[in-house]
Amino acid sequence: MAQFSLAGKVAVITGGGSGIGLASARRFVAAGARVTIANRSDSSALARDIGATYVRTDVAVEADVEALMRSVADREGGIDIVVNNAGHGDAGLEVANLTREVLQRHLDVNLFGVLYGIKHGVARMRDGGSIINVSSLAGLSSFPTYGAYVASKWAVIGLSKSAATELAPRRIRVNCVCPGTIDTPINHQAGAEAELAIVETIAPLGRIGTADEAAAAIHFFASDDAGYVTGAALEVDGGWLAGTSLALIGKVMSS
């Protein structure tokens, strides 16, 4: 028996040009799926390299997402898997200083992008399909100055659970993956050093995660092996939410 096979499945992955989305696309192709990656920046050459198709899409624009899903369904005859992965995140503003514009940008990409992916994906999805929404550890907890990001990612989990109950009669499963800090390009930008150091202390596993580790969870939810799992929010966080790390206890006791 081929476990976690995606043979014959048609998958759409937003934010598929880098990080978790790209790692998921590679896994899906290797597992036999026909994959379309959607991204704002041109990822056509990358898509060809991994055996996928590219469609330019801004997930904050509903017409873009509708056109994406329509084009894939027209080309492939339908859709089996949608991964709503594209995201936006800024930090540095406390809630008391948060502006409508900053919050709206997070909601447009992180929440409405997921909503549009569900709405227009389901309209062209075969019964028994799977939707995986990438929330975050910040969708289950919080962190100072990340208020806009936290609010948008908590909303993704709530939206996903509602969709899971509504789409169950069609056997369409809706689940969330909630990664902690992952080794993606955004975490190599200037100013990310503090977060990386914090993760190494607070997460019991003592390191950040890899894009492949997050993609593995997405692959599980996408496969028929997860056929009895819907409405879940899976932590991929190195144990951050499990409890206090020994490293942090040691630092406190030695200070």
C-alpha atoms as a PDB file:
ATOM      1  CA  MET A   1       0.000   0.000   0.000  1.00  0.00           C
ATOM      2  CA  ALA A   2       1.359   3.398  -0.984  1.00  0.00           C
ATOM      3  CA  GLN A   3       0.906   5.516   2.099  1.00  0.00           C
ATOM      4  CA  PHE A   4       0.334   9.254   1.720  1.00  0.00           C
ATOM      5  CA  SER A   5       0.027   8.877  -2.037  1.00  0.00           C
ATOM      6  CA  LEU A   6      -1.419  11.812  -3.946  1.00  0.00           C
ATOM      7  CA  ALA A   7      -1.450   9.983  -7.259  1.00  0.00           C
ATOM      8  CA  GLY A   8      -4.006  11.469  -9.638  1.00  0.00           C
ATOM      9  CA  LYS A   9      -4.817  14.366  -7.297  1.00  0.00           C
ATOM     10  CA  VAL A  10      -4.984  17.959  -8.550  1.00  0.00           C
ATOM     11  CA  ALA A  11      -3.541  20.437  -6.051  1.00  0.00           C
ATOM     12  CA  VAL A  12      -3.378  24.221  -5.823  1.00  0.00           C
ATOM     13  CA  ILE A  13      -0.853  25.814  -3.446  1.00  0.00           C
ATOM     14  CA  THR A  14      -0.833  29.562  -2.836  1.00  0.00           C
ATOM     15  CA  GLY A  15       2.434  31.163  -1.833  1.00  0.00           C
ATOM     16  CA  GLY A  16       4.081  28.237  -3.585  1.00  0.00           C
ATOM     17  CA  GLY A  17       7.181  30.076  -4.734  1.00  0.00           C
ATOM     18  CA  SER A  18       9.198  29.774  -1.533  1.00  0.00           C
ATOM     19  CA  GLY A  19       9.312  28.446   2.012  1.00  0.00           C
ATOM     20  CA  ILE A  20       6.562  26.117   3.189  1.00  0.00           C
ATOM     21  CA  GLY A  21       4.579  26.473  -0.038  1.00  0.00           C
ATOM     22  CA  LEU A  22       7.510  25.442  -2.213  1.00  0.00           C
ATOM     23  CA  ALA A  23       8.418  22.542   0.088  1.00  0.00           C
ATOM     24  CA  SER A  24       4.787  21.388  -0.082  1.00  0.00           C
ATOM     25  CA  ALA A  25       4.743  21.646  -3.876  1.00  0.00           C
ATOM     26  CA  ARG A  26       7.852  19.483  -4.129  1.00  0.00           C
ATOM     27  CA  ARG A  27       6.397  16.855  -1.796  1.00  0.00           C
ATOM     28  CA  PHE A  28       3.081  16.834  -3.644  1.00  0.00           C
ATOM     29  CA  VAL A  29       4.741  16.363  -7.029  1.00  0.00           C
ATOM     30  CA  ALA A  30       6.877  13.546  -5.632  1.00  0.00           C
ATOM     31  CA  ALA A  31       3.719  11.936  -4.231  1.00  0.00           C
ATOM     32  CA  GLY A  32       2.077  11.948  -7.661  1.00  0.00           C
ATOM     33  CA  ALA A  33      -0.066  15.093  -7.626  1.00  0.00           C
ATOM     34  CA  ARG A  34      -0.516  17.534 -10.480  1.00  0.00           C
ATOM     35  CA  VAL A  35       0.406  20.805  -8.805  1.00  0.00           C
ATOM     36  CA  THR A  36      -0.255  24.446  -9.571  1.00  0.00           C
ATOM     37  CA  ILE A  37       1.629  27.007  -7.515  1.00  0.00           C
ATOM     38  CA  ALA A  38       0.202  30.503  -7.179  1.00  0.00           C
ATOM     39  CA  ASN A  39       2.341  33.478  -6.294  1.00  0.00           C
ATOM     40  CA  ARG A  40       2.463  37.240  -6.834  1.00  0.00           C
ATOM     41  CA  SER A  41       6.073  37.117  -8.033  1.00  0.00           C
ATOM     42  CA  ASP A  42       6.950  35.225 -11.203  1.00  0.00           C
ATOM     43  CA  SER A  43       7.568  31.601 -10.257  1.00  0.00           C
ATOM     44  CA  SER A  44       7.143  30.111 -13.712  1.00  0.00           C
ATOM     45  CA  ALA A  45      10.746  28.900 -14.060  1.00  0.00           C
ATOM     46  CA  LEU A  46      10.665  27.415 -10.557  1.00  0.00           C
ATOM     47  CA  ALA A  47       7.402  25.652 -11.319  1.00  0.00           C
ATOM     48  CA  ARG A  48       8.864  24.096 -14.451  1.00  0.00           C
ATOM     49  CA  ASP A  49      11.906  22.916 -12.509  1.00  0.00           C
ATOM     50  CA  ILE A  50       9.791  20.954 -10.018  1.00  0.00           C
ATOM     51  CA  GLY A  51       7.230  19.684 -12.515  1.00  0.00           C
ATOM     52  CA  ALA A  52       4.419  22.053 -11.564  1.00  0.00           C
ATOM     53  CA  THR A  53       2.426  24.850 -13.224  1.00  0.00           C
ATOM     54  CA  TYR A  54       2.480  28.508 -12.224  1.00  0.00           C
ATOM     55  CA  VAL A  55      -0.402  31.005 -12.157  1.00  0.00           C
ATOM     56  CA  ARG A  56       0.219  34.580 -11.026  1.00  0.00           C
ATOM     57  CA  THR A  57      -2.164  35.344  -8.167  1.00  0.00           C
ATOM     58  CA  ASP A  58      -2.592  37.978  -5.483  1.00  0.00           C
ATOM     59  CA  VAL A  59      -4.640  36.176  -2.845  1.00  0.00           C
ATOM     60  CA  ALA A  60      -5.861  39.503  -1.435  1.00  0.00           C
ATOM     61  CA  VAL A  61      -7.769  40.053  -4.711  1.00  0.00           C
ATOM     62  CA  GLU A  62     -10.822  37.815  -4.944  1.00  0.00           C
ATOM     63  CA  ALA A  63     -10.969  38.000  -8.741  1.00  0.00           C
ATOM     64  CA  ASP A  64      -7.400  36.676  -8.903  1.00  0.00           C
ATOM     65  CA  VAL A  65      -8.221  33.683  -6.711  1.00  0.00           C
ATOM     66  CA  GLU A  66     -11.404  32.928  -8.640  1.00  0.00           C
ATOM     67  CA  ALA A  67      -9.453  33.059 -11.917  1.00  0.00           C
ATOM     68  CA  LEU A  68      -6.773  30.772 -10.436  1.00  0.00           C
ATOM     69  CA  MET A  69      -9.243  28.093  -9.386  1.00  0.00           C
ATOM     70  CA  ARG A  70     -11.185  28.344 -12.628  1.00  0.00           C
ATOM     71  CA  SER A  71      -8.051  27.990 -14.762  1.00  0.00           C
ATOM     72  CA  VAL A  72      -6.855  24.923 -12.836  1.00  0.00           C
ATOM     73  CA  ALA A  73     -10.281  23.259 -12.950  1.00  0.00           C
ATOM     74  CA  ASP A  74     -10.640  23.972 -16.674  1.00  0.00           C
ATOM     75  CA  ARG A  75      -7.198  22.519 -17.392  1.00  0.00           C
ATOM     76  CA  GLU A  76      -7.360  19.513 -15.050  1.00  0.00           C
ATOM     77  CA  GLY A  77     -11.069  18.736 -14.937  1.00  0.00           C
ATOM     78  CA  GLY A  78     -11.457  19.604 -11.259  1.00  0.00           C
ATOM     79  CA  ILE A  79      -9.546  20.212  -8.007  1.00  0.00           C
ATOM     80  CA  ASP A  80      -8.844  17.797  -5.151  1.00  0.00           C
ATOM     81  CA  ILE A  81      -6.543  19.747  -2.812  1.00  0.00           C
ATOM     82  CA  VAL A  82      -6.202  23.425  -1.950  1.00  0.00           C
ATOM     83  CA  VAL A  83      -3.405  24.673   0.295  1.00  0.00           C
ATOM     84  CA  ASN A  84      -4.005  28.255   1.403  1.00  0.00           C
ATOM     85  CA  ASN A  85      -0.455  29.092   2.387  1.00  0.00           C
ATOM     86  CA  ALA A  86       0.245  32.649   1.175  1.00  0.00           C
ATOM     87  CA  GLY A  87       0.740  34.976   4.113  1.00  0.00           C
ATOM     88  CA  HIS A  88       1.862  38.385   5.297  1.00  0.00           C
ATOM     89  CA  GLY A  89       3.473  39.285   8.609  1.00  0.00           C
ATOM     90  CA  ASP A  90       4.841  42.447  10.188  1.00  0.00           C
ATOM     91  CA  ALA A  91       5.888  43.086  13.766  1.00  0.00           C
ATOM     92  CA  GLY A  92       6.885  46.077  15.812  1.00  0.00           C
ATOM     93  CA  LEU A  93       3.559  47.734  16.657  1.00  0.00           C
ATOM     94  CA  GLU A  94       1.877  47.306  20.007  1.00  0.00           C
ATOM     95  CA  VAL A  95      -1.893  46.993  19.893  1.00  0.00           C
ATOM     96  CA  ALA A  96      -2.287  50.510  21.307  1.00  0.00           C
ATOM     97  CA  ASN A  97      -0.430  51.854  18.270  1.00  0.00           C
ATOM     98  CA  LEU A  98      -1.903  49.532  15.659  1.00  0.00           C
ATOM     99  CA  THR A  99      -3.393  51.274  12.640  1.00  0.00           C
ATOM    100  CA  ARG A 100      -6.357  50.234  10.551  1.00  0.00           C
ATOM    101  CA  GLU A 101      -4.118  50.070   7.480  1.00  0.00           C
ATOM    102  CA  VAL A 102      -1.660  47.621   9.055  1.00  0.00           C
ATOM    103  CA  LEU A 103      -4.412  45.385  10.402  1.00  0.00           C
ATOM    104  CA  GLN A 104      -6.307  45.491   7.122  1.00  0.00           C
ATOM    105  CA  ARG A 105      -3.272  44.342   5.139  1.00  0.00           C
ATOM    106  CA  HIS A 106      -2.871  41.324   7.424  1.00  0.00           C
ATOM    107  CA  LEU A 107      -6.568  40.509   7.140  1.00  0.00           C
ATOM    108  CA  ASP A 108      -6.596  40.956   3.360  1.00  0.00           C
ATOM    109  CA  VAL A 109      -3.829  38.396   2.831  1.00  0.00           C
ATOM    110  CA  ASN A 110      -4.013  36.050   5.813  1.00  0.00           C
ATOM    111  CA  LEU A 111      -7.778  35.856   6.341  1.00  0.00           C
ATOM    112  CA  PHE A 112      -9.527  36.946   3.164  1.00  0.00           C
ATOM    113  CA  GLY A 113      -6.939  35.108   1.072  1.00  0.00           C
ATOM    114  CA  VAL A 114      -7.941  31.920   2.894  1.00  0.00           C
ATOM    115  CA  LEU A 115     -11.631  32.721   2.557  1.00  0.00           C
ATOM    116  CA  TYR A 116     -11.302  33.235  -1.208  1.00  0.00           C
ATOM    117  CA  GLY A 117      -9.291  30.025  -1.519  1.00  0.00           C
ATOM    118  CA  ILE A 118     -11.996  28.052   0.277  1.00  0.00           C
ATOM    119  CA  LYS A 119     -14.882  29.752  -1.517  1.00  0.00           C
ATOM    120  CA  HIS A 120     -13.589  29.425  -5.059  1.00  0.00           C
ATOM    121  CA  GLY A 121     -11.711  26.175  -4.495  1.00  0.00           C
ATOM    122  CA  VAL A 122     -14.782  24.376  -3.139  1.00  0.00           C
ATOM    123  CA  ALA A 123     -16.858  25.543  -6.098  1.00  0.00           C
ATOM    124  CA  ARG A 124     -14.602  23.436  -8.328  1.00  0.00           C
ATOM    125  CA  MET A 125     -13.554  20.709  -5.894  1.00  0.00           C
ATOM    126  CA  ARG A 126     -14.522  17.094  -6.232  1.00  0.00           C
ATOM    127  CA  ASP A 127     -16.269  15.503  -3.259  1.00  0.00           C
ATOM    128  CA  GLY A 128     -13.775  13.953  -0.861  1.00  0.00           C
ATOM    129  CA  GLY A 129     -11.246  16.745  -1.338  1.00  0.00           C
ATOM    130  CA  SER A 130      -8.990  18.402   1.198  1.00  0.00           C
ATOM    131  CA  ILE A 131      -8.340  22.019   2.147  1.00  0.00           C
ATOM    132  CA  ILE A 132      -5.316  22.868   4.273  1.00  0.00           C
ATOM    133  CA  ASN A 133      -5.006  26.370   5.662  1.00  0.00           C
ATOM    134  CA  VAL A 134      -1.673  27.534   7.017  1.00  0.00           C
ATOM    135  CA  SER A 135      -2.308  29.387  10.249  1.00  0.00           C
ATOM    136  CA  SER A 136       0.520  29.772  12.768  1.00  0.00           C
ATOM    137  CA  LEU A 137       1.635  29.218  16.312  1.00  0.00           C
ATOM    138  CA  ALA A 138       0.426  32.828  16.519  1.00  0.00           C
ATOM    139  CA  GLY A 139      -3.048  31.494  15.786  1.00  0.00           C
ATOM    140  CA  LEU A 140      -2.986  29.590  19.082  1.00  0.00           C
ATOM    141  CA  SER A 141      -0.985  31.943  21.263  1.00  0.00           C
ATOM    142  CA  SER A 142       0.339  35.490  21.087  1.00  0.00           C
ATOM    143  CA  PHE A 143       3.561  37.463  21.039  1.00  0.00           C
ATOM    144  CA  PRO A 144       4.150  41.161  21.855  1.00  0.00           C
ATOM    145  CA  THR A 145       4.014  43.549  18.862  1.00  0.00           C
ATOM    146  CA  TYR A 146       2.540  40.870  16.568  1.00  0.00           C
ATOM    147  CA  GLY A 147      -1.079  41.871  17.241  1.00  0.00           C
ATOM    148  CA  ALA A 148      -2.221  42.238  13.627  1.00  0.00           C
ATOM    149  CA  TYR A 149      -0.620  38.943  12.607  1.00  0.00           C
ATOM    150  CA  VAL A 150      -1.975  37.143  15.670  1.00  0.00           C
ATOM    151  CA  ALA A 151      -5.514  38.421  15.070  1.00  0.00           C
ATOM    152  CA  SER A 152      -5.499  37.304  11.440  1.00  0.00           C
ATOM    153  CA  LYS A 153      -4.117  33.848  12.201  1.00  0.00           C
ATOM    154  CA  TRP A 154      -6.574  33.172  15.045  1.00  0.00           C
ATOM    155  CA  ALA A 155      -9.339  34.051  12.591  1.00  0.00           C
ATOM    156  CA  VAL A 156      -7.998  31.509  10.082  1.00  0.00           C
ATOM    157  CA  ILE A 157      -8.494  28.699  12.602  1.00  0.00           C
ATOM    158  CA  GLY A 158     -12.048  29.791  13.392  1.00  0.00           C
ATOM    159  CA  LEU A 159     -12.920  30.060   9.711  1.00  0.00           C
ATOM    160  CA  SER A 160     -11.417  26.639   9.053  1.00  0.00           C
ATOM    161  CA  LYS A 161     -13.420  24.942  11.796  1.00  0.00           C
ATOM    162  CA  SER A 162     -16.635  26.492  10.492  1.00  0.00           C
ATOM    163  CA  ALA A 163     -15.841  25.353   6.947  1.00  0.00           C
ATOM    164  CA  ALA A 164     -15.018  21.851   8.214  1.00  0.00           C
ATOM    165  CA  THR A 165     -18.500  21.404   9.660  1.00  0.00           C
ATOM    166  CA  GLU A 166     -20.253  22.886   6.638  1.00  0.00           C
ATOM    167  CA  LEU A 167     -18.334  20.898   4.009  1.00  0.00           C
ATOM    168  CA  ALA A 168     -18.424  17.558   5.819  1.00  0.00           C
ATOM    169  CA  PRO A 169     -21.507  16.326   3.906  1.00  0.00           C
ATOM    170  CA  ARG A 170     -19.373  16.460   0.755  1.00  0.00           C
ATOM    171  CA  ARG A 171     -16.542  14.665   2.586  1.00  0.00           C
ATOM    172  CA  ILE A 172     -14.351  17.711   2.025  1.00  0.00           C
ATOM    173  CA  ARG A 173     -11.966  18.005   4.942  1.00  0.00           C
ATOM    174  CA  VAL A 174     -10.654  21.352   6.206  1.00  0.00           C
ATOM    175  CA  ASN A 175      -7.654  21.460   8.523  1.00  0.00           C
ATOM    176  CA  CYS A 176      -5.019  23.927   9.717  1.00  0.00           C
ATOM    177  CA  VAL A 177      -1.294  23.614  10.152  1.00  0.00           C
ATOM    178  CA  CYS A 178       0.123  25.955  12.788  1.00  0.00           C
ATOM    179  CA  PRO A 179       3.891  26.315  12.320  1.00  0.00           C
ATOM    180  CA  GLY A 180       6.150  27.971  14.824  1.00  0.00           C
ATOM    181  CA  THR A 181       9.254  29.759  13.574  1.00  0.00           C
ATOM    182  CA  ILE A 182      10.334  28.037  10.364  1.00  0.00           C
ATOM    183  CA  ASP A 183      13.581  28.370   8.431  1.00  0.00           C
ATOM    184  CA  THR A 184      12.190  30.371   5.497  1.00  0.00           C
ATOM    185  CA  PRO A 185      13.524  33.497   3.722  1.00  0.00           C
ATOM    186  CA  ILE A 186      11.532  35.847   5.969  1.00  0.00           C
ATOM    187  CA  ASN A 187      13.477  34.618   8.996  1.00  0.00           C
ATOM    188  CA  HIS A 188      16.798  35.517   7.407  1.00  0.00           C
ATOM    189  CA  GLN A 189      15.908  39.182   7.052  1.00  0.00           C
ATOM    190  CA  ALA A 190      17.499  41.881   9.210  1.00  0.00           C
ATOM    191  CA  GLY A 191      15.914  41.991  12.640  1.00  0.00           C
ATOM    192  CA  ALA A 192      15.002  38.299  12.771  1.00  0.00           C
ATOM    193  CA  GLU A 193      17.971  37.394  14.967  1.00  0.00           C
ATOM    194  CA  ALA A 194      16.066  38.065  18.202  1.00  0.00           C
ATOM    195  CA  GLU A 195      13.206  35.741  17.286  1.00  0.00           C
ATOM    196  CA  LEU A 196      15.594  32.964  16.334  1.00  0.00           C
ATOM    197  CA  ALA A 197      17.417  33.278  19.659  1.00  0.00           C
ATOM    198  CA  ILE A 198      14.119  33.244  21.556  1.00  0.00           C
ATOM    199  CA  VAL A 199      12.966  30.080  19.771  1.00  0.00           C
ATOM    200  CA  GLU A 200      16.195  28.287  20.628  1.00  0.00           C
ATOM    201  CA  THR A 201      15.512  29.007  24.299  1.00  0.00           C
ATOM    202  CA  ILE A 202      11.736  28.616  24.554  1.00  0.00           C
ATOM    203  CA  ALA A 203      10.972  25.739  22.177  1.00  0.00           C
ATOM    204  CA  PRO A 204      11.775  22.462  23.973  1.00  0.00           C
ATOM    205  CA  LEU A 205      13.389  21.044  20.822  1.00  0.00           C
ATOM    206  CA  GLY A 206      15.790  23.991  20.926  1.00  0.00           C
ATOM    207  CA  ARG A 207      15.704  24.996  17.255  1.00  0.00           C
ATOM    208  CA  ILE A 208      13.566  26.453  14.533  1.00  0.00           C
ATOM    209  CA  GLY A 209      11.722  24.130  12.192  1.00  0.00           C
ATOM    210  CA  THR A 210      12.357  23.449   8.527  1.00  0.00           C
ATOM    211  CA  ALA A 211       9.997  24.114   5.645  1.00  0.00           C
ATOM    212  CA  ASP A 212      10.022  20.390   4.875  1.00  0.00           C
ATOM    213  CA  GLU A 213       8.808  19.578   8.397  1.00  0.00           C
ATOM    214  CA  ALA A 214       5.852  21.923   8.024  1.00  0.00           C
ATOM    215  CA  ALA A 215       5.189  20.597   4.520  1.00  0.00           C
ATOM    216  CA  ALA A 216       5.088  17.041   5.872  1.00  0.00           C
ATOM    217  CA  ALA A 217       2.123  17.975   8.070  1.00  0.00           C
ATOM    218  CA  ILE A 218       0.384  19.580   5.095  1.00  0.00           C
ATOM    219  CA  HIS A 219       1.044  16.434   3.047  1.00  0.00           C
ATOM    220  CA  PHE A 220      -0.558  14.279   5.727  1.00  0.00           C
ATOM    221  CA  PHE A 221      -3.733  16.384   5.763  1.00  0.00           C
ATOM    222  CA  ALA A 222      -3.856  16.362   1.954  1.00  0.00           C
ATOM    223  CA  SER A 223      -3.677  12.576   1.723  1.00  0.00           C
ATOM    224  CA  ASP A 224      -6.523  10.091   2.013  1.00  0.00           C
ATOM    225  CA  ASP A 225      -4.687   8.641   5.031  1.00  0.00           C
ATOM    226  CA  ALA A 226      -6.119  11.613   6.973  1.00  0.00           C
ATOM    227  CA  GLY A 227      -9.625  10.773   5.811  1.00  0.00           C
ATOM    228  CA  TYR A 228     -11.116  10.953   9.317  1.00  0.00           C
ATOM    229  CA  VAL A 229      -9.396  14.195  10.311  1.00  0.00           C
ATOM    230  CA  THR A 230     -11.190  17.488   9.813  1.00  0.00           C
ATOM    231  CA  GLY A 231     -11.418  20.729  11.779  1.00  0.00           C
ATOM    232  CA  ALA A 232      -7.986  20.130  13.332  1.00  0.00           C
ATOM    233  CA  ALA A 233      -5.276  22.697  14.051  1.00  0.00           C
ATOM    234  CA  LEU A 234      -1.945  20.883  14.227  1.00  0.00           C
ATOM    235  CA  GLU A 235       0.957  22.506  16.070  1.00  0.00           C
ATOM    236  CA  VAL A 236       4.307  22.217  14.302  1.00  0.00           C
ATOM    237  CA  ASP A 237       6.177  24.298  16.842  1.00  0.00           C
ATOM    238  CA  GLY A 238       9.012  22.297  18.385  1.00  0.00           C
ATOM    239  CA  GLY A 239       6.955  21.875  21.554  1.00  0.00           C
ATOM    240  CA  TRP A 240       6.546  25.620  22.217  1.00  0.00           C
ATOM    241  CA  LEU A 241       2.954  25.237  23.443  1.00  0.00           C
ATOM    242  CA  ALA A 242       3.617  21.972  25.277  1.00  0.00           C
ATOM    243  CA  GLY A 243       5.321  23.653  28.206  1.00  0.00           C
ATOM    244  CA  THR A 244       8.425  25.371  29.540  1.00  0.00           C
ATOM    245  CA  SER A 245      11.699  24.200  28.043  1.00  0.00           C
ATOM    246  CA  LEU A 246      14.559  22.941  30.201  1.00  0.00           C
ATOM    247  CA  ALA A 247      16.812  25.512  28.520  1.00  0.00           C
ATOM    248  CA  LEU A 248      14.606  28.371  29.726  1.00  0.00           C
ATOM    249  CA  ILE A 249      14.418  26.930  33.241  1.00  0.00           C
ATOM    250  CA  GLY A 250      18.187  26.630  33.267  1.00  0.00           C
ATOM    251  CA  LYS A 251      18.653  30.244  32.180  1.00  0.00           C
ATOM    252  CA  VAL A 252      16.293  31.542  34.835  1.00  0.00           C
ATOM    253  CA  MET A 253      17.883  29.471  37.597  1.00  0.00           C
ATOM    254  CA  SER A 254      21.392  30.540  36.642  1.00  0.00           C
ATOM    255  CA  SER A 255      20.581  34.264  36.443  1.00  0.00           C
END
